[in-house]
Amino acid sequence: MRFSKIVGIGGYLPLKTVENAELEKNAGIDTSWIYERTGILKRHIAEESATEMGVKALKDALLRSNLSYDEIEYIFVVSNSADTLIPGMAGRIQKSIDHPMGGVDIQAGCSGFLQAMEIADSMIKSGSFSSVAIIGTEKLSRIVNWKDLSIAALFGDGAGAIIMKSSEKPGLIASYSRIQGEGWESLVQNRNGYLEMDGRTVFRFAVSAIEEAINEVLKRANMEIENVDLIVPHQSNARIISRVSKDMGIPIEKFQISIADHANTAAASVALALKDAIDSKKISKSATVLTVAYGAGLGIASNIFKL
């Protein structure tokens, strides 16, 4: 039987950072309030494009997997802050690689990366492709109004990437995803405008969405939470993760929390957090991981896989 397995995980964060103290000075946001309400200490701000960051994240994933560019057959580029609406970034990333491949952009909120993983898994299991790269890249600083106190502290720039290949051994075990139009107006960026968010509504949705996605993907995998070594949630707010931990009776130590160092990087968030977990040796190379995210749409997604 044919399976898909993650063989490379990479990421890129811009060199420039903005710490909370700088926001307090320039935007009048209280430093202690930011950390207490979000768990964020700093965010990275890109001087390069989202496309360029995506290329760097993909390069890092390839180096970690000992694969070459010419082994990639298809790429998904997931972003909510693409450099242009038309064309998408997949073609420009392919140009930098200079190797023929299929590819498409996906815009599906912060859960888009995990939805792309589910699609890639199906493509590989069907035999249509043997290797698929998924790149989440965000230049959210471009669409954030730095004078909007409810938004400015939350978001950062960065890119994450994974490479999935066909395998004789199970890798991705189960997936779950769902979208709903109800509540879409609580998290929106209108054309040529800034990102707008109803924080309270999004918080409530996020908690219920993550709990739903964890329960449903465990059910599909026929597994208990005790079988999972680490949960890697979308890094949007540390309080949301803490609330889920309390509600579900899951020790907070079982969650990867990386938001302090790079804030909410939307579609790049989960890949960057997964990379952090591996780099810090929080999980082994054979770990069972549950990834979960929610986002604009409104969308919910989760995956369980064995590294």
Protein backbone atom coordinates (compact mmCIF):
# COMPACT_ATOMS: atom_id res chain seq x y z
CA MET A 1 0.00 0.00 0.00
CA ARG A 2 1.15 3.53 -0.78
CA PHE A 3 1.41 6.16 1.99
CA SER A 4 2.65 9.74 2.29
CA LYS A 5 5.33 10.72 4.77
CA ILE A 6 6.88 14.04 5.81
CA VAL A 7 10.59 13.85 5.01
CA GLY A 8 11.65 17.46 5.43
CA ILE A 9 10.56 20.42 7.59
CA GLY A 10 12.08 23.87 7.16
CA GLY A 11 11.45 27.50 7.91
CA TYR A 12 12.63 31.06 7.56
CA LEU A 13 12.20 34.09 9.82
CA PRO A 14 13.32 37.59 8.76
CA LEU A 15 16.26 39.09 10.63
CA LYS A 16 14.41 42.24 11.69
CA THR A 17 12.34 41.90 14.86
CA VAL A 18 9.99 44.25 16.68
CA GLU A 19 9.71 43.63 20.41
CA ASN A 20 6.75 44.61 22.54
CA ALA A 21 8.58 47.58 24.03
CA GLU A 22 8.86 49.14 20.58
CA LEU A 23 5.11 48.80 20.03
CA GLU A 24 4.50 50.42 23.40
CA LYS A 25 6.67 53.35 22.36
CA ASN A 26 5.28 53.80 18.84
CA ALA A 27 1.66 52.65 19.11
CA GLY A 28 0.91 53.14 22.78
CA ILE A 29 0.28 49.46 23.45
CA ASP A 30 1.12 48.38 27.00
CA THR A 31 3.92 45.79 26.93
CA SER A 32 2.58 43.74 29.83
CA TRP A 33 -0.89 43.71 28.26
CA ILE A 34 0.46 42.21 25.04
CA TYR A 35 2.21 39.33 26.76
CA GLU A 36 -0.57 38.63 29.28
CA ARG A 37 -3.26 38.58 26.58
CA THR A 38 -1.34 36.79 23.81
CA GLY A 39 1.91 35.25 25.04
CA ILE A 40 3.83 37.21 22.37
CA LEU A 41 7.18 38.86 23.10
CA LYS A 42 8.29 39.80 19.58
CA ARG A 43 7.48 39.44 15.89
CA HIS A 44 9.66 39.30 12.76
CA ILE A 45 9.18 41.91 10.04
CA ALA A 46 10.23 41.12 6.48
CA GLU A 47 12.09 43.40 4.14
CA GLU A 48 11.94 40.72 1.43
CA SER A 49 8.81 39.52 -0.37
CA ALA A 50 6.58 36.61 0.65
CA THR A 51 7.84 34.78 -2.44
CA GLU A 52 11.47 35.19 -1.38
CA MET A 53 10.70 33.96 2.12
CA GLY A 54 8.90 30.94 0.68
CA VAL A 55 11.94 30.04 -1.42
CA LYS A 56 14.19 30.23 1.67
CA ALA A 57 11.86 28.02 3.72
CA LEU A 58 11.69 25.45 0.93
CA LYS A 59 15.48 25.47 0.60
CA ASP A 60 15.78 24.80 4.34
CA ALA A 61 13.32 21.88 4.12
CA LEU A 62 15.27 20.40 1.23
CA LEU A 63 18.57 20.66 3.09
CA ARG A 64 17.07 18.90 6.09
CA SER A 65 15.63 16.12 3.93
CA ASN A 66 18.73 15.57 1.76
CA LEU A 67 16.55 16.02 -1.31
CA SER A 68 17.24 18.13 -4.39
CA TYR A 69 14.97 20.59 -6.19
CA ASP A 70 14.52 18.26 -9.16
CA GLU A 71 12.85 15.67 -6.92
CA ILE A 72 9.87 17.97 -6.24
CA GLU A 73 6.94 17.24 -8.54
CA TYR A 74 4.30 19.64 -7.20
CA ILE A 75 4.14 22.65 -4.86
CA PHE A 76 1.37 24.22 -2.84
CA VAL A 77 1.99 27.81 -1.80
CA VAL A 78 -0.32 28.78 1.05
CA SER A 79 -0.65 32.45 1.96
CA ASN A 80 -3.06 35.14 3.12
CA SER A 81 -0.71 37.98 2.21
CA ALA A 82 0.49 37.09 -1.28
CA ASP A 83 2.69 39.58 -3.11
CA THR A 84 0.09 39.87 -5.88
CA LEU A 85 -3.49 38.70 -6.32
CA ILE A 86 -2.70 37.74 -9.93
CA PRO A 87 -0.56 35.80 -10.54
CA GLY A 88 -0.07 33.54 -7.55
CA MET A 89 3.34 32.88 -6.06
CA ALA A 90 3.72 29.23 -7.11
CA GLY A 91 5.02 30.17 -10.55
CA ARG A 92 7.58 32.58 -9.18
CA ILE A 93 8.81 30.04 -6.65
CA GLN A 94 9.09 27.51 -9.46
CA LYS A 95 11.12 30.03 -11.47
CA SER A 96 13.63 30.33 -8.64
CA ILE A 97 13.94 26.54 -8.56
CA ASP A 98 14.18 26.34 -12.37
CA HIS A 99 12.73 22.85 -12.58
CA PRO A 100 9.43 21.73 -14.20
CA MET A 101 6.67 20.94 -11.69
CA GLY A 102 3.00 21.41 -11.02
CA GLY A 103 1.78 23.94 -8.52
CA VAL A 104 -0.98 26.15 -7.23
CA ASP A 105 -1.61 28.83 -4.59
CA ILE A 106 -4.08 28.28 -1.76
CA GLN A 107 -5.75 31.04 0.25
CA ALA A 108 -7.68 29.43 3.09
CA GLY A 109 -6.92 31.40 6.22
CA CYS A 110 -4.55 30.06 8.85
CA SER A 111 -5.84 26.50 8.41
CA GLY A 112 -4.81 26.42 4.74
CA PHE A 113 -1.44 24.74 5.35
CA LEU A 114 -3.08 21.75 7.03
CA GLN A 115 -5.72 21.53 4.31
CA ALA A 116 -2.92 21.44 1.73
CA MET A 117 -1.34 18.55 3.63
CA GLU A 118 -4.60 16.61 3.35
CA ILE A 119 -4.76 17.25 -0.41
CA ALA A 120 -1.08 16.33 -0.89
CA ASP A 121 -1.64 13.08 0.99
CA SER A 122 -4.44 12.14 -1.42
CA MET A 123 -2.31 13.06 -4.45
CA ILE A 124 0.53 10.84 -3.28
CA LYS A 125 -1.67 7.92 -2.23
CA SER A 126 -3.39 7.99 -5.62
CA GLY A 127 -0.04 7.55 -7.37
CA SER A 128 -0.35 10.81 -9.31
CA PHE A 129 2.72 12.32 -7.58
CA SER A 130 5.58 10.95 -5.52
CA SER A 131 6.74 14.16 -3.85
CA VAL A 132 4.88 17.35 -2.93
CA ALA A 133 6.20 20.47 -1.19
CA ILE A 134 3.91 22.69 0.87
CA ILE A 135 5.05 26.23 1.57
CA GLY A 136 3.29 28.62 3.93
CA THR A 137 4.61 32.15 3.57
CA GLU A 138 3.25 35.36 5.05
CA LYS A 139 4.15 39.04 4.89
CA LEU A 140 1.35 40.07 7.21
CA SER A 141 3.11 43.31 8.18
CA ARG A 142 1.97 44.59 4.78
CA ILE A 143 -1.72 44.25 5.64
CA VAL A 144 -1.59 45.18 9.35
CA ASN A 145 -2.57 48.65 10.47
CA TRP A 146 0.10 49.42 13.04
CA LYS A 147 -2.16 52.03 14.63
CA ASP A 148 -4.88 49.45 15.28
CA LEU A 149 -4.10 48.38 18.84
CA SER A 150 -6.18 45.19 18.61
CA ILE A 151 -4.24 43.92 15.56
CA ALA A 152 -0.73 45.37 15.58
CA ALA A 153 0.69 43.22 18.37
CA LEU A 154 -0.58 39.90 17.07
CA PHE A 155 1.02 39.23 13.70
CA GLY A 156 4.47 38.63 12.26
CA ASP A 157 6.16 37.60 9.02
CA GLY A 158 7.79 34.30 8.15
CA ALA A 159 7.64 31.12 6.11
CA GLY A 160 7.53 27.40 6.79
CA ALA A 161 7.73 24.41 4.46
CA ILE A 162 7.39 20.65 4.51
CA ILE A 163 8.11 18.00 1.89
CA MET A 164 5.89 14.93 1.64
CA LYS A 165 6.98 11.82 -0.26
CA SER A 166 5.52 8.44 -1.05
CA SER A 167 6.41 5.74 1.46
CA GLU A 168 5.77 2.09 2.16
CA LYS A 169 5.31 2.94 5.84
CA PRO A 170 2.41 5.02 7.20
CA GLY A 171 3.15 8.71 7.69
CA LEU A 172 -0.01 10.78 7.58
CA ILE A 173 -2.57 8.71 9.49
CA ALA A 174 -5.75 10.82 9.44
CA SER A 175 -7.05 14.26 8.50
CA TYR A 176 -10.08 16.37 9.32
CA SER A 177 -11.21 19.66 7.81
CA ARG A 178 -14.37 21.75 7.73
CA ILE A 179 -15.33 25.23 6.59
CA GLN A 180 -18.28 27.45 7.43
CA GLY A 181 -19.49 30.78 6.15
CA GLU A 182 -21.13 31.69 9.42
CA GLY A 183 -18.96 34.23 11.23
CA TRP A 184 -16.78 35.01 8.23
CA GLU A 185 -17.02 38.75 8.90
CA SER A 186 -15.18 38.36 12.23
CA LEU A 187 -11.82 37.97 10.44
CA VAL A 188 -11.48 39.70 7.09
CA GLN A 189 -9.26 41.77 4.83
CA ASN A 190 -11.14 43.67 2.17
CA ARG A 191 -9.42 44.32 -1.15
CA ASN A 192 -6.64 46.93 -0.73
CA GLY A 193 -7.50 47.24 2.96
CA TYR A 194 -6.08 46.24 6.32
CA LEU A 195 -6.80 43.07 8.24
CA GLU A 196 -9.81 43.48 10.54
CA MET A 197 -10.79 41.19 13.40
CA ASP A 198 -13.45 40.87 16.07
CA GLY A 199 -11.14 39.45 18.73
CA ARG A 200 -13.77 38.14 21.13
CA THR A 201 -15.71 36.31 18.43
CA VAL A 202 -12.54 34.81 16.96
CA PHE A 203 -11.35 33.70 20.42
CA ARG A 204 -14.58 31.82 21.09
CA PHE A 205 -14.54 30.20 17.67
CA ALA A 206 -10.87 29.27 17.99
CA VAL A 207 -11.33 27.38 21.24
CA SER A 208 -14.32 25.38 19.99
CA ALA A 209 -12.70 24.81 16.58
CA ILE A 210 -9.47 23.41 18.00
CA GLU A 211 -11.33 21.14 20.39
CA GLU A 212 -13.58 19.90 17.58
CA ALA A 213 -10.65 19.25 15.25
CA ILE A 214 -8.64 17.35 17.88
CA ASN A 215 -11.60 15.13 18.76
CA GLU A 216 -12.56 14.45 15.16
CA VAL A 217 -9.10 13.60 13.86
CA LEU A 218 -8.48 11.27 16.82
CA LYS A 219 -11.76 9.54 16.01
CA ARG A 220 -10.78 9.13 12.36
CA ALA A 221 -7.38 7.75 13.37
CA ASN A 222 -8.98 5.44 15.95
CA MET A 223 -6.54 6.80 18.50
CA GLU A 224 -6.58 8.27 22.00
CA ILE A 225 -4.80 11.49 22.92
CA GLU A 226 -2.36 9.37 24.96
CA ASN A 227 -1.08 7.93 21.66
CA VAL A 228 0.00 11.40 20.53
CA ASP A 229 3.46 12.65 21.54
CA LEU A 230 2.90 16.33 20.71
CA ILE A 231 0.09 18.64 19.64
CA VAL A 232 1.23 21.47 17.38
CA PRO A 233 -1.56 24.06 17.20
CA HIS A 234 -1.81 27.20 15.13
CA GLN A 235 0.22 29.81 16.99
CA SER A 236 -2.33 32.59 17.29
CA ASN A 237 -2.67 33.18 21.01
CA ALA A 238 -1.18 31.35 24.00
CA ARG A 239 -4.39 31.92 25.99
CA ILE A 240 -6.38 29.98 23.39
CA ILE A 241 -4.01 27.03 23.71
CA SER A 242 -4.17 27.20 27.51
CA ARG A 243 -7.98 27.27 27.41
CA VAL A 244 -8.08 24.19 25.14
CA SER A 245 -5.62 22.41 27.45
CA LYS A 246 -7.85 23.12 30.45
CA ASP A 247 -11.14 22.29 28.72
CA MET A 248 -9.89 18.97 27.33
CA GLY A 249 -7.81 17.93 30.32
CA ILE A 250 -4.65 17.69 28.20
CA PRO A 251 -1.42 18.75 29.97
CA ILE A 252 -0.14 22.05 28.60
CA GLU A 253 3.28 20.40 28.22
CA LYS A 254 1.81 18.30 25.41
CA PHE A 255 1.31 21.44 23.29
CA GLN A 256 4.05 23.13 21.28
CA ILE A 257 3.92 26.87 22.02
CA SER A 258 6.27 29.00 19.92
CA ILE A 259 4.24 32.18 19.69
CA ALA A 260 6.48 34.19 22.03
CA ASP A 261 9.28 34.34 19.49
CA HIS A 262 7.44 34.92 16.20
CA ALA A 263 3.82 35.84 16.92
CA ASN A 264 1.01 34.73 14.60
CA THR A 265 2.46 33.91 11.18
CA ALA A 266 -0.86 32.58 9.84
CA ALA A 267 -0.30 29.91 7.14
CA ALA A 268 3.37 29.55 8.14
CA SER A 269 2.53 29.12 11.83
CA VAL A 270 2.21 25.35 12.24
CA ALA A 271 5.23 24.48 10.09
CA LEU A 272 7.42 26.94 12.01
CA ALA A 273 6.20 25.56 15.35
CA LEU A 274 6.84 21.99 14.18
CA LYS A 275 10.35 22.99 13.15
CA ASP A 276 10.88 24.57 16.58
CA ALA A 277 9.79 21.34 18.28
CA ILE A 278 12.23 19.28 16.25
CA ASP A 279 15.13 21.73 16.63
CA SER A 280 14.64 21.86 20.41
CA LYS A 281 14.47 18.04 20.50
CA LYS A 282 11.06 18.18 22.15
CA ILE A 283 10.09 15.30 19.88
CA SER A 284 12.03 12.46 18.30
CA LYS A 285 12.25 11.54 14.64
CA SER A 286 9.66 8.79 15.14
CA ALA A 287 7.13 10.89 17.10
CA THR A 288 3.38 10.87 16.52
CA VAL A 289 2.20 14.46 16.03
CA LEU A 290 -1.23 16.08 15.90
CA THR A 291 -1.39 19.43 14.09
CA VAL A 292 -4.47 21.61 14.39
CA ALA A 293 -5.47 25.04 13.08
CA TYR A 294 -8.37 27.39 12.58
CA GLY A 295 -8.62 30.53 10.51
CA ALA A 296 -10.52 32.95 8.31
CA GLY A 297 -13.27 31.38 6.26
CA LEU A 298 -14.05 30.23 8.87
CA GLY A 299 -11.94 27.09 8.55
CA ILE A 300 -10.88 24.19 10.77
CA ALA A 301 -8.25 21.54 9.99
CA SER A 302 -6.17 18.88 11.71
CA ASN A 303 -3.82 16.03 10.85
CA ILE A 304 -2.20 13.16 12.71
CA PHE A 305 1.05 11.81 11.34
CA LYS A 306 4.10 9.83 12.31
CA LEU A 307 7.45 11.46 11.58
